[in-house]
Amino acid sequence: MILRTLAILGVLAFSLAGCANPNGIGIQDFGYIIGNVVDQNGKPVQGAFVTTTGASGAASVTTGANGGFTLQNVAVGQQMVSVNPPPGYSTPSPVTVIVVKGQGVSAGNIVITNEMPQT
């Protein structure tokens, strides 16, 4: 009985060792990206959809009332941060950042232009 239990545990240990990274793309290290989406007058823009894409996947979040965003668990390396603005705003060019393991990197203030007529 003891040998059988040990054999089962050995098979489980071997199986789990192969599942250490179920995504199959290698062990990843992560950091995070912070920033703000503001209009041309520096006012925060709520409801902008912010995404990042890199060789190891993507992350996304919507800006809050203060225009701020934090993209968590972003793979290290070069990442492109893109903004899909709410209606009435222009789409800005993507921002490139380099994510470092365990650290935050700032995408700064991403400026979008309000294209609605001002009254």
N, C-alpha and C. Protein backbone atom coordinates (compact mmCIF):
# COMPACT_ATOMS: atom_id res chain seq x y z
N MET A 1 0.81 -1.19 0.00
CA MET A 1 0.00 0.00 0.00
C MET A 1 0.87 1.26 0.00
N ILE A 2 1.94 1.23 0.79
CA ILE A 2 2.83 2.39 0.85
C ILE A 2 3.50 2.61 -0.50
N LEU A 3 3.95 1.55 -1.14
CA LEU A 3 4.58 1.69 -2.45
C LEU A 3 3.60 2.26 -3.48
N ARG A 4 2.38 1.81 -3.41
CA ARG A 4 1.37 2.31 -4.35
C ARG A 4 1.12 3.80 -4.12
N THR A 5 1.03 4.23 -2.88
CA THR A 5 0.83 5.64 -2.54
C THR A 5 2.01 6.47 -3.01
N LEU A 6 3.21 5.98 -2.79
CA LEU A 6 4.40 6.69 -3.24
C LEU A 6 4.44 6.79 -4.77
N ALA A 7 4.03 5.74 -5.45
CA ALA A 7 4.00 5.76 -6.91
C ALA A 7 3.00 6.81 -7.41
N ILE A 8 1.85 6.88 -6.78
CA ILE A 8 0.83 7.87 -7.18
C ILE A 8 1.34 9.28 -6.91
N LEU A 9 1.95 9.49 -5.75
CA LEU A 9 2.50 10.81 -5.44
C LEU A 9 3.60 11.20 -6.42
N GLY A 10 4.42 10.24 -6.81
CA GLY A 10 5.47 10.51 -7.79
C GLY A 10 4.90 10.94 -9.13
N VAL A 11 3.86 10.26 -9.57
CA VAL A 11 3.20 10.62 -10.84
C VAL A 11 2.58 12.00 -10.73
N LEU A 12 1.93 12.30 -9.62
CA LEU A 12 1.34 13.62 -9.43
C LEU A 12 2.39 14.71 -9.43
N ALA A 13 3.48 14.49 -8.72
CA ALA A 13 4.55 15.48 -8.67
C ALA A 13 5.12 15.73 -10.05
N PHE A 14 5.34 14.68 -10.82
CA PHE A 14 5.86 14.82 -12.18
C PHE A 14 4.86 15.58 -13.06
N SER A 15 3.58 15.26 -12.92
CA SER A 15 2.54 15.92 -13.71
C SER A 15 2.44 17.39 -13.37
N LEU A 16 2.46 17.71 -12.09
CA LEU A 16 2.35 19.10 -11.67
C LEU A 16 3.57 19.91 -12.07
N ALA A 17 4.72 19.31 -12.09
CA ALA A 17 5.93 20.03 -12.51
C ALA A 17 5.79 20.50 -13.94
N GLY A 18 5.13 19.74 -14.76
CA GLY A 18 4.91 20.13 -16.15
C GLY A 18 3.83 21.18 -16.29
N CYS A 19 3.05 21.42 -15.22
CA CYS A 19 1.96 22.40 -15.27
C CYS A 19 2.31 23.68 -14.53
N ALA A 20 3.57 23.88 -14.23
CA ALA A 20 3.96 25.09 -13.51
C ALA A 20 3.56 26.34 -14.26
N ASN A 21 3.49 26.28 -15.57
CA ASN A 21 3.06 27.42 -16.36
C ASN A 21 2.05 26.96 -17.39
N PRO A 22 0.78 26.95 -17.03
CA PRO A 22 -0.22 26.40 -17.93
C PRO A 22 -0.43 27.19 -19.22
N ASN A 23 0.08 28.43 -19.30
CA ASN A 23 -0.12 29.17 -20.54
C ASN A 23 0.82 28.71 -21.65
N GLY A 24 1.80 27.92 -21.33
CA GLY A 24 2.64 27.30 -22.35
C GLY A 24 3.62 28.22 -23.05
N ILE A 25 3.79 29.45 -22.59
CA ILE A 25 4.71 30.36 -23.28
C ILE A 25 5.94 30.68 -22.43
N GLY A 26 6.18 29.90 -21.43
CA GLY A 26 7.34 30.13 -20.58
C GLY A 26 6.95 30.91 -19.34
N ILE A 27 7.79 30.83 -18.35
CA ILE A 27 7.51 31.53 -17.10
C ILE A 27 7.61 33.02 -17.36
N GLN A 28 6.58 33.74 -16.92
CA GLN A 28 6.51 35.17 -17.16
C GLN A 28 6.79 35.95 -15.89
N ASP A 29 7.41 37.10 -16.06
CA ASP A 29 7.57 38.07 -14.98
C ASP A 29 6.69 39.26 -15.33
N PHE A 30 6.15 39.91 -14.30
CA PHE A 30 5.18 40.96 -14.54
C PHE A 30 5.52 42.25 -13.83
N GLY A 31 5.01 43.32 -14.34
CA GLY A 31 5.04 44.64 -13.74
C GLY A 31 3.69 45.27 -13.98
N TYR A 32 3.63 46.59 -13.89
CA TYR A 32 2.36 47.26 -14.16
C TYR A 32 2.61 48.61 -14.83
N ILE A 33 1.55 49.14 -15.46
CA ILE A 33 1.63 50.42 -16.17
C ILE A 33 0.58 51.35 -15.58
N ILE A 34 1.02 52.58 -15.26
CA ILE A 34 0.08 53.59 -14.77
C ILE A 34 0.08 54.76 -15.74
N GLY A 35 -0.96 55.56 -15.69
CA GLY A 35 -1.03 56.75 -16.53
C GLY A 35 -2.35 57.46 -16.36
N ASN A 36 -2.52 58.49 -17.16
CA ASN A 36 -3.74 59.29 -17.14
C ASN A 36 -4.15 59.60 -18.57
N VAL A 37 -5.46 59.66 -18.78
CA VAL A 37 -5.99 60.13 -20.06
C VAL A 37 -6.63 61.48 -19.78
N VAL A 38 -6.15 62.49 -20.50
CA VAL A 38 -6.62 63.86 -20.31
C VAL A 38 -6.98 64.47 -21.65
N ASP A 39 -7.83 65.53 -21.61
CA ASP A 39 -8.14 66.24 -22.85
C ASP A 39 -7.08 67.31 -23.10
N GLN A 40 -7.24 68.05 -24.18
CA GLN A 40 -6.24 69.04 -24.58
C GLN A 40 -6.07 70.16 -23.56
N ASN A 41 -7.02 70.30 -22.62
CA ASN A 41 -6.93 71.32 -21.56
C ASN A 41 -6.41 70.73 -20.25
N GLY A 42 -6.02 69.45 -20.28
CA GLY A 42 -5.51 68.80 -19.09
C GLY A 42 -6.57 68.26 -18.16
N LYS A 43 -7.83 68.28 -18.59
CA LYS A 43 -8.91 67.75 -17.76
C LYS A 43 -8.99 66.23 -17.91
N PRO A 44 -9.20 65.51 -16.80
CA PRO A 44 -9.30 64.04 -16.87
C PRO A 44 -10.46 63.59 -17.75
N VAL A 45 -10.25 62.47 -18.44
CA VAL A 45 -11.29 61.89 -19.28
C VAL A 45 -11.69 60.54 -18.70
N GLN A 46 -12.94 60.45 -18.26
CA GLN A 46 -13.47 59.22 -17.72
C GLN A 46 -14.02 58.37 -18.86
N GLY A 47 -13.90 57.05 -18.73
CA GLY A 47 -14.52 56.13 -19.68
C GLY A 47 -13.70 55.82 -20.92
N ALA A 48 -12.42 56.18 -20.91
CA ALA A 48 -11.54 55.80 -22.02
C ALA A 48 -11.10 54.35 -21.79
N PHE A 49 -11.09 53.56 -22.84
CA PHE A 49 -10.70 52.15 -22.76
C PHE A 49 -9.22 52.06 -23.10
N VAL A 50 -8.40 51.67 -22.14
CA VAL A 50 -6.94 51.62 -22.30
C VAL A 50 -6.51 50.17 -22.41
N THR A 51 -5.72 49.85 -23.43
CA THR A 51 -5.23 48.49 -23.62
C THR A 51 -3.73 48.51 -23.82
N THR A 52 -3.11 47.40 -23.50
CA THR A 52 -1.69 47.23 -23.79
C THR A 52 -1.52 45.90 -24.50
N THR A 53 -0.66 45.90 -25.47
CA THR A 53 -0.37 44.67 -26.20
C THR A 53 1.14 44.52 -26.33
N GLY A 54 1.58 43.30 -26.19
CA GLY A 54 2.98 42.98 -26.35
C GLY A 54 3.09 41.55 -26.82
N ALA A 55 4.30 41.07 -26.90
CA ALA A 55 4.54 39.72 -27.40
C ALA A 55 3.89 38.65 -26.51
N SER A 56 3.65 38.98 -25.23
CA SER A 56 3.14 37.98 -24.30
C SER A 56 1.68 38.16 -23.92
N GLY A 57 0.94 38.94 -24.69
CA GLY A 57 -0.48 39.07 -24.38
C GLY A 57 -0.93 40.49 -24.25
N ALA A 58 -2.13 40.66 -23.69
CA ALA A 58 -2.75 41.97 -23.58
C ALA A 58 -3.42 42.14 -22.23
N ALA A 59 -3.66 43.41 -21.87
CA ALA A 59 -4.41 43.76 -20.66
C ALA A 59 -5.23 44.99 -21.00
N SER A 60 -6.33 45.19 -20.27
CA SER A 60 -7.15 46.36 -20.55
C SER A 60 -7.85 46.84 -19.29
N VAL A 61 -8.25 48.12 -19.30
CA VAL A 61 -8.94 48.75 -18.18
C VAL A 61 -9.62 50.01 -18.71
N THR A 62 -10.65 50.48 -17.99
CA THR A 62 -11.33 51.72 -18.34
C THR A 62 -10.96 52.79 -17.32
N THR A 63 -10.70 54.01 -17.80
CA THR A 63 -10.31 55.09 -16.90
C THR A 63 -11.45 55.47 -15.98
N GLY A 64 -11.07 55.88 -14.76
CA GLY A 64 -12.05 56.32 -13.78
C GLY A 64 -12.32 57.81 -13.90
N ALA A 65 -13.01 58.35 -12.90
CA ALA A 65 -13.40 59.76 -12.91
C ALA A 65 -12.19 60.70 -12.96
N ASN A 66 -11.05 60.26 -12.42
CA ASN A 66 -9.85 61.10 -12.44
C ASN A 66 -9.01 60.89 -13.70
N GLY A 67 -9.50 60.09 -14.64
CA GLY A 67 -8.77 59.83 -15.89
C GLY A 67 -7.61 58.87 -15.73
N GLY A 68 -7.39 58.39 -14.50
CA GLY A 68 -6.25 57.52 -14.23
C GLY A 68 -6.52 56.07 -14.59
N PHE A 69 -5.43 55.35 -14.83
CA PHE A 69 -5.54 53.91 -15.09
C PHE A 69 -4.32 53.19 -14.56
N THR A 70 -4.52 51.93 -14.22
CA THR A 70 -3.44 51.03 -13.84
C THR A 70 -3.70 49.71 -14.54
N LEU A 71 -2.76 49.31 -15.35
CA LEU A 71 -2.83 48.00 -16.02
C LEU A 71 -1.96 47.06 -15.21
N GLN A 72 -2.59 46.09 -14.55
CA GLN A 72 -1.90 45.15 -13.66
C GLN A 72 -1.42 43.91 -14.42
N ASN A 73 -0.42 43.25 -13.85
CA ASN A 73 0.08 41.97 -14.36
C ASN A 73 0.42 42.02 -15.86
N VAL A 74 1.19 43.03 -16.21
CA VAL A 74 1.63 43.19 -17.60
C VAL A 74 3.00 42.52 -17.73
N ALA A 75 3.16 41.70 -18.75
CA ALA A 75 4.43 41.00 -18.96
C ALA A 75 5.57 41.99 -19.18
N VAL A 76 6.74 41.63 -18.67
CA VAL A 76 7.91 42.51 -18.83
C VAL A 76 8.28 42.64 -20.31
N GLY A 77 8.94 43.73 -20.60
CA GLY A 77 9.37 44.00 -21.97
C GLY A 77 8.59 45.15 -22.58
N GLN A 78 8.79 45.33 -23.87
CA GLN A 78 8.15 46.43 -24.58
C GLN A 78 6.64 46.20 -24.72
N GLN A 79 5.87 47.21 -24.39
CA GLN A 79 4.42 47.16 -24.48
C GLN A 79 3.91 48.42 -25.18
N MET A 80 2.86 48.28 -25.97
CA MET A 80 2.20 49.41 -26.61
C MET A 80 0.92 49.70 -25.84
N VAL A 81 0.76 50.95 -25.39
CA VAL A 81 -0.44 51.36 -24.68
C VAL A 81 -1.31 52.16 -25.66
N SER A 82 -2.53 51.69 -25.86
CA SER A 82 -3.47 52.34 -26.79
C SER A 82 -4.70 52.79 -26.04
N VAL A 83 -5.30 53.88 -26.54
CA VAL A 83 -6.51 54.41 -25.93
C VAL A 83 -7.62 54.44 -26.95
N ASN A 84 -8.75 53.85 -26.58
CA ASN A 84 -9.98 53.96 -27.37
C ASN A 84 -10.85 54.95 -26.60
N PRO A 85 -10.91 56.20 -27.06
CA PRO A 85 -11.58 57.23 -26.27
C PRO A 85 -13.10 57.14 -26.34
N PRO A 86 -13.77 57.82 -25.40
CA PRO A 86 -15.22 57.88 -25.47
C PRO A 86 -15.65 58.69 -26.70
N PRO A 87 -16.91 58.61 -27.09
CA PRO A 87 -17.39 59.37 -28.26
C PRO A 87 -17.10 60.86 -28.11
N GLY A 88 -16.72 61.46 -29.23
CA GLY A 88 -16.45 62.89 -29.25
C GLY A 88 -14.99 63.25 -29.07
N TYR A 89 -14.14 62.25 -28.86
CA TYR A 89 -12.70 62.49 -28.67
C TYR A 89 -11.91 61.80 -29.78
N SER A 90 -10.76 62.39 -30.11
CA SER A 90 -9.88 61.78 -31.11
C SER A 90 -9.10 60.63 -30.51
N THR A 91 -8.67 59.72 -31.37
CA THR A 91 -7.86 58.58 -30.94
C THR A 91 -6.38 58.98 -31.02
N PRO A 92 -5.65 58.91 -29.91
CA PRO A 92 -4.24 59.30 -29.93
C PRO A 92 -3.35 58.18 -30.46
N SER A 93 -2.13 58.54 -30.78
CA SER A 93 -1.13 57.53 -31.17
C SER A 93 -0.79 56.67 -29.96
N PRO A 94 -0.48 55.39 -30.19
CA PRO A 94 -0.08 54.53 -29.07
C PRO A 94 1.22 55.02 -28.42
N VAL A 95 1.38 54.69 -27.16
CA VAL A 95 2.57 55.03 -26.39
C VAL A 95 3.34 53.74 -26.12
N THR A 96 4.64 53.76 -26.31
CA THR A 96 5.47 52.58 -26.03
C THR A 96 6.15 52.74 -24.68
N VAL A 97 6.07 51.70 -23.87
CA VAL A 97 6.74 51.68 -22.57
C VAL A 97 7.51 50.37 -22.43
N ILE A 98 8.46 50.35 -21.53
CA ILE A 98 9.21 49.14 -21.20
C ILE A 98 8.85 48.74 -19.77
N VAL A 99 8.23 47.59 -19.61
CA VAL A 99 7.81 47.09 -18.30
C VAL A 99 8.95 46.29 -17.68
N VAL A 100 9.21 46.58 -16.40
CA VAL A 100 10.28 45.93 -15.65
C VAL A 100 9.66 45.06 -14.56
N LYS A 101 10.24 43.91 -14.33
CA LYS A 101 9.73 42.94 -13.35
C LYS A 101 9.48 43.59 -11.99
N GLY A 102 8.24 43.42 -11.50
CA GLY A 102 7.89 43.87 -10.16
C GLY A 102 7.79 45.37 -9.98
N GLN A 103 7.88 46.14 -11.05
CA GLN A 103 7.86 47.59 -10.94
C GLN A 103 6.76 48.20 -11.80
N GLY A 104 6.44 49.44 -11.48
CA GLY A 104 5.49 50.19 -12.28
C GLY A 104 6.23 51.10 -13.24
N VAL A 105 5.64 51.32 -14.38
CA VAL A 105 6.19 52.26 -15.35
C VAL A 105 5.06 53.19 -15.75
N SER A 106 5.39 54.45 -15.96
CA SER A 106 4.37 55.44 -16.29
C SER A 106 4.26 55.63 -17.80
N ALA A 107 3.03 55.62 -18.28
CA ALA A 107 2.76 55.99 -19.67
C ALA A 107 2.52 57.48 -19.78
N GLY A 108 2.55 58.18 -18.64
CA GLY A 108 2.38 59.62 -18.60
C GLY A 108 0.94 60.04 -18.85
N ASN A 109 0.79 61.30 -19.25
CA ASN A 109 -0.53 61.81 -19.62
C ASN A 109 -0.73 61.56 -21.10
N ILE A 110 -1.73 60.78 -21.43
CA ILE A 110 -2.07 60.54 -22.83
C ILE A 110 -3.17 61.53 -23.18
N VAL A 111 -2.86 62.43 -24.11
CA VAL A 111 -3.77 63.52 -24.44
C VAL A 111 -4.67 63.13 -25.61
N ILE A 112 -5.98 63.31 -25.40
CA ILE A 112 -6.95 63.11 -26.47
C ILE A 112 -7.67 64.44 -26.68
N THR A 113 -8.02 64.72 -27.91
CA THR A 113 -8.65 65.99 -28.25
C THR A 113 -10.16 65.86 -28.26
N ASN A 114 -10.81 66.78 -27.55
CA ASN A 114 -12.27 66.82 -27.53
C ASN A 114 -12.72 67.45 -28.85
N GLU A 115 -13.42 66.68 -29.67
CA GLU A 115 -13.85 67.14 -30.98
C GLU A 115 -15.28 67.68 -30.96
N MET A 116 -15.90 67.72 -29.78
CA MET A 116 -17.26 68.25 -29.65
C MET A 116 -17.18 69.77 -29.66
N PRO A 117 -18.15 70.43 -30.29
CA PRO A 117 -18.17 71.90 -30.28
C PRO A 117 -18.24 72.42 -28.85
N GLN A 118 -17.42 73.38 -28.52
CA GLN A 118 -17.40 73.97 -27.20
C GLN A 118 -18.40 75.12 -27.14
N THR A 119 -19.15 75.18 -26.06
CA THR A 119 -20.14 76.27 -25.92
C THR A 119 -19.76 77.18 -24.79
